[in-house]
Each structure stands twice: as C-alpha cells, then as structure tokens.
Amino acid sequence: MEELSRFKQAVLNTAKKAYREKLMAGTSGNMSVFWRERKWMVITPSSYDYEIMEEKDIVVTDLEGNVIEGCHRPSSEWRMHAELYRHLPHVGAVVHTHSPFATSFAVNHQEIPVVLIEMIPFLKGKLEVSPYATQGSAEVGLNAVPILRRKNACLMANHGVVAVGETIEAAYINSVYVEDTARIYHMAVISGTPVVIPGYEE
C-alpha cells in the first residue's frame, strides 16, 4: 500500500534524523504515526540500531499491540503511543526522545517556564512534567494525556520527552524545541537569573 509506505518512510526518516541530532542514544527513543482510518500505528522497532534501520524494519500494529506487518517487535513503549492516540484525537504522530538537557530536567521533576518566544507557538507554553510510571506501561502515556491535551510536548519524570503533532514532522520539530529550550534554560540558570516572558508567568 502506497500510503503505508509513506508513513513508514516518514517514521524512518524522522528516527534517523533524531538519532543524528543526538536526541537519543543507542536504541533509546521511539516514534510513530497513527493511520487513524485503520487505527494502525506505524512505529519504530524495539531495540534496533538506527544506523542500519530500513523501511522494512518499521512495524505496523493495532492499538492492542498486535503486529499487522513487520519482522520485529514494536517499540517497548507502544502502549504509551496507543494511549496517546486513544485519548488525543488531534494527535497524528508521537516522538519520544531522551534528549539530554530536557531529560535532565525530567530527572529533577523540574518544569521549564516560558523564557523563549518559540515556546508559545510550538510548545503552547511552559514545559510541564508528567508523573513517573514504569517504562513500557500504559500509564506512561496516560500520565501525559492531561498535559498533552493542552500542550504539544511534556517532560516525563525520570524518563525523557514526549512530543506530539498532527504530523510526524510537526511532532519532531516540537521535540527539537523542547531540547533547545532546556539547553538554553540550563545555560541561563548557570549564568544568571532567567526572566519569564511577561504574561506567561503561569
């Protein structure tokens, strides 16, 4: 199916780009596109080297994790993706990274206030932290749902970053702005006292 191939290629290209940009290391991180008409997730495989990943390695599952197409197991975080698609009808793609600056704030359970203008259109305000849940569980996604109803990304306590969008390109750029924000905020805290943009104190 031509459309399925396009989805797979989009997931593959985005995964490789995120890996090159060091938004995740090793085989960590995962991303998917939701084919809402069929209720299929097109998702990266579990524990697979991004450098050698090809289109044929991308896995297609339903929201119960049943493999429809693919020669690998889906990402161990497929339940997180499934819960986000179940509860967020506006979401068409999910990008989960372990980008180091943002994840350091997630480990500290520390929000990042609105200190950059880009946070307003791309992230919809401050970066909030969803409660911790065991990795691989549905609760990882369920805990992020309340934030992602209002925001395009959040930090996941002791875990990493999840970003969403109508397309995987949108979800990816949101994940990039999360890491950029965290890096700049980290340097601002070291060098002085960050100032929140007026009107966005909350």
Protein backbone atom coordinates (compact mmCIF):
# COMPACT_ATOMS: atom_id res chain seq x y z
CA MET A 1 0.00 0.00 0.00
CA GLU A 2 1.45 3.29 -1.11
CA GLU A 3 0.09 5.27 1.85
CA LEU A 4 1.50 2.79 4.36
CA SER A 5 4.88 3.01 2.66
CA ARG A 6 4.78 6.80 3.01
CA PHE A 7 4.04 6.50 6.72
CA LYS A 8 6.90 4.03 7.19
CA GLN A 9 9.32 6.25 5.30
CA ALA A 10 8.30 9.27 7.38
CA VAL A 11 8.87 7.36 10.63
CA LEU A 12 12.21 6.01 9.38
CA ASN A 13 13.49 9.39 8.19
CA THR A 14 12.46 11.12 11.41
CA ALA A 15 14.04 8.43 13.60
CA LYS A 16 17.34 8.67 11.76
CA LYS A 17 17.29 12.47 11.90
CA ALA A 18 16.60 12.45 15.65
CA TYR A 19 19.44 9.99 16.19
CA ARG A 20 21.86 12.10 14.11
CA GLU A 21 20.86 15.19 16.09
CA LYS A 22 21.60 13.27 19.33
CA LEU A 23 18.07 13.49 20.65
CA MET A 24 18.54 9.88 21.76
CA ALA A 25 21.43 7.48 22.20
CA GLY A 26 21.87 3.80 21.40
CA THR A 27 18.47 2.29 20.70
CA SER A 28 16.53 4.53 23.09
CA GLY A 29 13.64 6.70 21.94
CA ASN A 30 10.78 5.77 19.64
CA MET A 31 8.32 7.39 17.28
CA SER A 32 5.16 6.60 15.41
CA VAL A 33 2.47 7.79 13.04
CA PHE A 34 -1.20 6.90 13.53
CA TRP A 35 -3.20 5.83 10.49
CA ARG A 36 -6.48 6.83 12.09
CA GLU A 37 -8.72 5.46 9.35
CA ARG A 38 -7.42 1.95 10.00
CA LYS A 39 -6.47 2.52 13.66
CA TRP A 40 -2.95 1.32 12.91
CA MET A 41 0.27 2.58 14.47
CA VAL A 42 3.36 2.73 12.27
CA ILE A 43 6.14 2.58 14.85
CA THR A 44 9.87 2.06 15.25
CA PRO A 45 11.00 -1.45 16.27
CA SER A 46 12.24 -2.42 19.71
CA SER A 47 15.99 -2.20 20.48
CA TYR A 48 17.11 -1.75 16.88
CA ASP A 49 20.14 0.18 15.64
CA TYR A 50 19.03 3.44 13.98
CA GLU A 51 22.11 3.49 11.73
CA ILE A 52 21.09 0.30 9.93
CA MET A 53 17.31 0.69 10.20
CA GLU A 54 15.42 0.46 6.89
CA GLU A 55 11.80 0.89 5.85
CA LYS A 56 11.21 -2.86 6.14
CA ASP A 57 12.16 -2.68 9.84
CA ILE A 58 9.31 -0.32 10.74
CA VAL A 59 6.45 -2.17 12.46
CA VAL A 60 2.69 -1.79 11.99
CA THR A 61 0.41 -2.65 14.91
CA ASP A 62 -3.11 -2.03 16.10
CA LEU A 63 -3.79 -0.20 19.37
CA GLU A 64 -3.66 -3.52 21.25
CA GLY A 65 -0.08 -4.12 20.12
CA ASN A 66 -0.94 -6.88 17.66
CA VAL A 67 1.60 -6.86 14.81
CA ILE A 68 -0.08 -6.38 11.45
CA GLU A 69 3.10 -6.07 9.44
CA GLY A 70 6.78 -6.24 10.29
CA CYS A 71 9.62 -8.61 11.14
CA HIS A 72 10.40 -7.13 14.58
CA ARG A 73 8.67 -6.46 17.86
CA PRO A 74 7.27 -2.91 18.13
CA SER A 75 8.93 -0.43 20.44
CA SER A 76 8.66 -1.38 24.10
CA GLU A 77 6.79 1.93 24.55
CA TRP A 78 3.99 1.04 22.11
CA ARG A 79 1.46 1.20 24.97
CA MET A 80 2.36 4.85 25.58
CA HIS A 81 1.77 5.65 21.91
CA ALA A 82 -1.53 3.73 21.88
CA GLU A 83 -2.90 5.61 24.91
CA LEU A 84 -1.99 8.96 23.41
CA TYR A 85 -3.80 8.10 20.17
CA ARG A 86 -6.82 6.76 22.08
CA HIS A 87 -7.23 9.87 24.21
CA LEU A 88 -5.97 12.66 21.94
CA PRO A 89 -7.95 12.75 18.68
CA HIS A 90 -5.96 15.72 17.38
CA VAL A 91 -2.67 13.77 17.51
CA GLY A 92 -1.39 12.05 14.37
CA ALA A 93 2.20 11.36 15.43
CA VAL A 94 4.29 10.85 18.58
CA VAL A 95 8.02 11.46 19.01
CA HIS A 96 9.65 10.21 22.23
CA THR A 97 13.27 11.17 22.84
CA HIS A 98 15.82 11.05 25.65
CA SER A 99 17.44 14.34 24.67
CA PRO A 100 19.99 15.08 27.40
CA PHE A 101 19.23 18.65 28.50
CA ALA A 102 15.47 18.13 28.58
CA THR A 103 15.80 14.74 30.25
CA SER A 104 17.97 16.27 32.98
CA PHE A 105 15.01 18.49 33.91
CA ALA A 106 12.70 15.45 33.74
CA VAL A 107 15.02 13.64 36.17
CA ASN A 108 14.79 16.65 38.51
CA HIS A 109 10.98 16.79 38.08
CA GLN A 110 11.51 20.45 37.19
CA GLU A 111 9.27 22.48 34.91
CA ILE A 112 10.72 25.00 32.47
CA PRO A 113 8.92 28.37 32.37
CA VAL A 114 8.26 30.38 29.22
CA VAL A 115 11.61 32.06 28.66
CA LEU A 116 11.71 31.85 24.85
CA ILE A 117 9.19 33.16 22.36
CA GLU A 118 9.34 29.88 20.39
CA MET A 119 7.80 28.08 23.37
CA ILE A 120 4.49 29.84 22.79
CA PRO A 121 3.60 28.66 19.24
CA PHE A 122 5.47 25.35 19.27
CA LEU A 123 5.09 24.09 22.84
CA LYS A 124 1.96 26.03 23.87
CA GLY A 125 3.59 27.45 26.97
CA LYS A 126 5.79 26.17 29.79
CA LEU A 127 7.17 22.64 29.81
CA GLU A 128 5.38 20.58 32.43
CA VAL A 129 6.39 17.23 33.94
CA SER A 130 4.08 14.21 33.86
CA PRO A 131 4.19 11.80 36.86
CA TYR A 132 6.54 8.85 36.79
CA ALA A 133 5.32 5.48 35.53
CA THR A 134 7.13 2.24 34.82
CA GLN A 135 8.65 2.35 31.33
CA GLY A 136 6.71 0.25 28.86
CA SER A 137 3.44 0.60 30.76
CA ALA A 138 0.23 2.21 29.52
CA GLU A 139 0.48 4.60 32.48
CA VAL A 140 3.42 6.36 30.83
CA GLY A 141 1.02 7.59 28.18
CA LEU A 142 -1.98 8.03 30.45
CA ASN A 143 0.03 10.23 32.83
CA ALA A 144 1.00 12.51 29.94
CA VAL A 145 -2.53 12.82 28.48
CA PRO A 146 -3.75 15.68 30.73
CA ILE A 147 -0.74 17.81 29.77
CA LEU A 148 -0.82 16.92 26.08
CA ARG A 149 -4.47 17.92 25.83
CA ARG A 150 -3.14 21.48 26.35
CA LYS A 151 0.47 21.29 25.18
CA ASN A 152 2.47 19.89 22.26
CA ALA A 153 5.10 18.28 24.49
CA CYS A 154 5.94 17.41 28.05
CA LEU A 155 8.76 16.09 30.16
CA MET A 156 8.18 12.63 31.63
CA ALA A 157 9.53 12.21 35.15
CA ASN A 158 12.80 10.21 35.23
CA HIS A 159 12.28 9.25 31.59
CA GLY A 160 12.53 11.76 28.78
CA VAL A 161 10.44 13.83 26.40
CA VAL A 162 7.24 13.12 24.51
CA ALA A 163 6.13 15.46 21.74
CA VAL A 164 3.01 15.23 19.60
CA GLY A 165 1.67 16.78 16.42
CA GLU A 166 -0.77 16.34 13.58
CA THR A 167 2.15 15.02 11.51
CA ILE A 168 5.45 13.45 12.45
CA GLU A 169 7.24 16.48 11.03
CA ALA A 170 5.32 18.70 13.48
CA ALA A 171 5.92 16.34 16.41
CA TYR A 172 9.63 16.21 15.58
CA ILE A 173 10.09 19.98 15.42
CA ASN A 174 8.27 20.25 18.77
CA SER A 175 10.76 17.77 20.25
CA VAL A 176 13.63 19.85 18.86
CA TYR A 177 12.30 22.98 20.54
CA VAL A 178 11.97 21.10 23.83
CA GLU A 179 15.68 20.27 23.80
CA ASP A 180 16.67 23.74 22.58
CA THR A 181 14.60 25.33 25.35
CA ALA A 182 16.10 23.07 28.00
CA ARG A 183 19.66 23.72 26.82
CA ILE A 184 19.21 27.50 26.81
CA TYR A 185 17.38 27.50 30.16
CA HIS A 186 20.16 25.38 31.67
CA MET A 187 22.80 27.86 30.50
CA ALA A 188 20.69 30.81 31.65
CA VAL A 189 20.37 29.36 35.15
CA ILE A 190 24.14 28.89 35.33
CA SER A 191 24.94 32.39 34.05
CA GLY A 192 22.27 34.37 35.89
CA THR A 193 18.56 34.52 36.69
CA PRO A 194 16.23 33.62 33.78
CA VAL A 195 13.39 36.08 33.21
CA VAL A 196 9.98 34.72 32.23
CA ILE A 197 8.28 36.42 29.28
CA PRO A 198 5.67 38.88 30.67
CA GLY A 199 2.18 37.43 30.64
CA TYR A 200 3.44 33.85 30.78
CA GLU A 201 4.35 33.58 34.44
CA GLU A 202 1.96 30.63 34.93
